[in-house]
């Protein structure tokens, strides 16, 4: 019976040491991942790399148009960028930039102050621009439209 008593404390000490070591490794892994080479680095594979990051944007020159208001005294200054569905689409946009500018101008000139003066109106305008530009493209689609300047006067 004495033998069983002597092994109990040793077993508890060994388990405690293992728990402390495991806690130390976990702390090193998450608190200081750069301390041990290779820890904290993402492995290349599906779902990693440039295809999952921010998509490429295609900025357009600013547009200034008269709005379709009865008074004819309101105008819109708009600067926008298109988010490309894939990087190869940039080449097609470069070739068709004049047609795209014309399509954007056509959509913008049809707007009224009341139609674009709300957040819902701006969102509707984005949807119209996206649909109109995508009808011109063959090798892919523009996935989003971003306004960097939107001034109505």
Protein backbone atom coordinates (compact mmCIF):
# COMPACT_ATOMS: atom_id res chain seq x y z
CA UNK A 1 0.00 0.00 0.00
CA UNK A 2 2.85 2.38 0.59
CA UNK A 3 3.93 2.04 -2.99
CA UNK A 4 0.59 3.39 -4.31
CA UNK A 5 0.90 6.46 -2.11
CA UNK A 6 4.30 7.35 -3.48
CA UNK A 7 3.28 7.24 -7.14
CA UNK A 8 0.23 9.52 -6.75
CA UNK A 9 2.13 12.79 -6.24
CA UNK A 10 4.54 11.98 -9.08
CA UNK A 11 1.69 11.38 -11.48
CA UNK A 12 0.07 14.69 -10.52
CA UNK A 13 3.40 16.50 -10.96
CA UNK A 14 3.99 14.97 -14.43
CA UNK A 15 0.46 15.90 -15.57
CA UNK A 16 0.89 19.45 -14.26
CA UNK A 17 4.23 19.83 -16.06
CA UNK A 18 2.67 18.59 -19.33
CA UNK A 19 -0.26 21.02 -18.97
CA UNK A 20 2.13 23.91 -18.31
CA UNK A 21 4.27 22.99 -21.33
CA UNK A 22 1.22 22.70 -23.57
CA UNK A 23 -0.02 26.08 -22.33
CA UNK A 24 3.39 27.58 -23.09
CA UNK A 25 3.33 26.24 -26.65
CA UNK A 26 -0.19 27.55 -27.21
CA UNK A 27 0.82 30.96 -25.86
CA UNK A 28 3.89 31.01 -28.13
CA UNK A 29 1.79 30.03 -31.14
CA UNK A 30 -0.75 32.83 -30.73
CA UNK A 31 1.06 35.56 -28.80
CA UNK A 32 4.44 35.46 -30.56
CA UNK A 33 4.00 33.49 -33.82
CA UNK A 34 7.12 35.00 -35.41
CA UNK A 35 9.41 33.78 -32.63
CA UNK A 36 9.61 30.28 -34.06
CA UNK A 37 10.21 30.15 -37.85
CA UNK A 38 7.31 28.74 -39.82
CA UNK A 39 4.72 29.29 -37.09
CA UNK A 40 1.93 31.68 -37.97
CA UNK A 41 2.60 31.56 -41.71
CA UNK A 42 -0.29 30.59 -43.94
CA UNK A 43 0.29 27.69 -46.24
CA UNK A 44 -0.48 28.16 -49.94
CA UNK A 45 -3.48 26.24 -51.11
CA UNK A 46 -7.08 26.60 -52.17
CA UNK A 47 -8.66 29.74 -50.79
CA UNK A 48 -5.36 31.57 -50.32
CA UNK A 49 -3.58 33.92 -52.65
CA UNK A 50 -4.52 36.93 -54.73
CA UNK A 51 -7.79 35.49 -56.03
CA UNK A 52 -9.36 35.78 -52.57
CA UNK A 53 -8.07 39.27 -51.83
CA UNK A 54 -9.39 42.57 -53.03
CA UNK A 55 -10.39 42.54 -56.66
CA UNK A 56 -8.86 44.89 -59.19
CA UNK A 57 -10.56 48.24 -59.69
CA UNK A 58 -10.88 50.06 -63.00
CA UNK A 59 -11.11 53.83 -62.34
CA UNK A 60 -12.93 56.06 -64.78
CA UNK A 61 -12.36 59.75 -65.41
CA UNK A 62 -14.88 62.10 -63.71
CA UNK A 63 -18.24 62.62 -65.40
CA UNK A 64 -20.07 65.96 -65.32
CA UNK A 65 -23.60 65.90 -66.75
CA UNK A 66 -26.76 67.96 -66.68
CA UNK A 67 -29.55 66.10 -64.95
CA UNK A 68 -32.90 65.49 -66.62
CA UNK A 69 -34.70 68.03 -64.42
CA UNK A 70 -37.31 70.37 -65.93
CA UNK A 71 -35.34 73.47 -64.92
CA UNK A 72 -32.18 72.12 -66.54
CA UNK A 73 -30.05 73.84 -63.89
CA UNK A 74 -28.91 70.85 -61.89
CA UNK A 75 -25.84 68.84 -62.68
CA UNK A 76 -24.03 65.79 -61.38
CA UNK A 77 -20.30 65.31 -60.99
CA UNK A 78 -19.47 61.65 -60.52
CA UNK A 79 -16.20 59.74 -60.29
CA UNK A 80 -16.51 55.98 -60.24
CA UNK A 81 -14.53 52.77 -60.44
CA UNK A 82 -15.60 49.34 -61.60
CA UNK A 83 -14.65 46.24 -59.66
CA UNK A 84 -13.50 43.64 -62.15
CA UNK A 85 -14.70 40.05 -62.00
CA UNK A 86 -11.20 38.97 -63.08
CA UNK A 87 -7.95 40.75 -63.97
CA UNK A 88 -8.11 39.89 -67.70
CA UNK A 89 -11.24 42.02 -68.02
CA UNK A 90 -9.08 45.15 -67.77
CA UNK A 91 -7.83 44.61 -71.33
CA UNK A 92 -11.37 44.54 -72.70
CA UNK A 93 -12.29 47.68 -70.74
CA UNK A 94 -9.20 49.44 -72.13
CA UNK A 95 -10.33 48.63 -75.67
CA UNK A 96 -13.95 49.62 -75.09
CA UNK A 97 -13.43 52.63 -72.81
CA UNK A 98 -15.19 55.04 -75.23
CA UNK A 99 -18.27 52.81 -75.47
CA UNK A 100 -18.31 52.44 -71.68
CA UNK A 101 -18.02 56.20 -71.16
CA UNK A 102 -20.91 56.71 -73.59
CA UNK A 103 -23.04 54.13 -71.76
CA UNK A 104 -22.32 55.76 -68.40
CA UNK A 105 -23.15 59.22 -69.77
CA UNK A 106 -26.42 57.94 -71.22
CA UNK A 107 -27.47 56.50 -67.86
CA UNK A 108 -26.38 59.62 -65.94
CA UNK A 109 -28.18 62.09 -68.24
CA UNK A 110 -31.46 60.25 -67.68
CA UNK A 111 -31.31 60.82 -63.91
CA UNK A 112 -33.26 63.46 -61.99
CA UNK A 113 -32.30 65.18 -58.77
CA UNK A 114 -35.18 63.54 -56.92
CA UNK A 115 -34.17 60.14 -58.26
CA UNK A 116 -30.57 60.24 -57.04
CA UNK A 117 -30.79 62.45 -53.94
CA UNK A 118 -31.40 59.50 -51.58
CA UNK A 119 -29.29 56.50 -50.64
CA UNK A 120 -31.82 54.25 -52.37
CA UNK A 121 -31.50 56.39 -55.49
CA UNK A 122 -27.71 56.06 -55.46
CA UNK A 123 -27.98 52.28 -55.06
CA UNK A 124 -30.44 52.12 -57.97
CA UNK A 125 -28.03 54.20 -60.08
CA UNK A 126 -25.20 51.77 -59.28
CA UNK A 127 -27.40 48.86 -60.34
CA UNK A 128 -28.31 50.59 -63.62
CA UNK A 129 -24.67 51.39 -64.39
CA UNK A 130 -23.58 47.85 -63.61
CA UNK A 131 -26.25 46.33 -65.85
CA UNK A 132 -25.58 48.76 -68.72
CA UNK A 133 -21.80 48.28 -68.72
CA UNK A 134 -22.08 44.49 -68.44
CA UNK A 135 -24.14 44.39 -71.65
CA UNK A 136 -21.06 45.69 -73.49
CA UNK A 137 -18.60 43.12 -72.14
CA UNK A 138 -17.85 39.73 -73.67
CA UNK A 139 -14.98 38.24 -71.62
CA UNK A 140 -16.48 38.74 -68.18
CA UNK A 141 -18.56 40.99 -66.00
CA UNK A 142 -18.00 43.98 -63.78
CA UNK A 143 -18.92 42.84 -60.27
CA UNK A 144 -19.49 46.19 -58.56
CA UNK A 145 -19.51 49.96 -59.00
CA UNK A 146 -17.93 52.31 -56.47
CA UNK A 147 -18.49 56.07 -56.31
CA UNK A 148 -15.47 58.02 -55.09
CA UNK A 149 -17.09 61.39 -55.83
CA UNK A 150 -20.81 62.16 -56.01
CA UNK A 151 -21.76 65.85 -56.18
CA UNK A 152 -25.19 67.14 -57.19
CA UNK A 153 -25.74 70.86 -57.56
